[in-house]
């Protein structure tokens, strides 16, 4: 079964043309790939009557690319919420990071929280490679794309269904990787 994501507009490339249509725009996702892209009525008809429809009040884009992904996950500690009283909630670097006893397990947990922060801002791809095995594992399990460098990304028919929907305030409403909803703003 496919899922149709209905939005106000589509940004077909990271910095490109905005597609708007009366009644909104949409993408249909099937098996982790885009099955249809365009005006909502056409996409809905192509997806069929059994398709699930999700509606988001925003602009759907290919998502953000984080060029400093490796440094963000391997040179910063992302505290657990249970550590907030002691360490705060912001990522730790420098002397604050050096003061912590960083085991492989702790790096892995930190990386998972860091990836969640990236997904929450609409990141669908980041830079690598990752030296720490625990960080590499956390990134691989998340499904976020690791790219050797920035390259143009676009919403393309039969392409991987990686995208984000952004609200008017610039914040991410949802982030989707391979057609799976991996973040939703509450």
Foldseek 3Di string as FASTA:
>chain_A
DKAKEWEQWEAFWPPHDIAGDVVTWIFIADQQFTADTTRPVVRDVVVDPPHHYHYDYFYKYLFDEAACLQCLLPAWFQDDPVCCVPLNGDIDHDPVVVPDDDDLVSSLVRLLVSVVVRQFQGQQEYEDDHDRPSNNVSVVVLQRHYDPGDDMDGRDGRDGPWIFGAHPVSTTQFTAGSNHTNDGDD
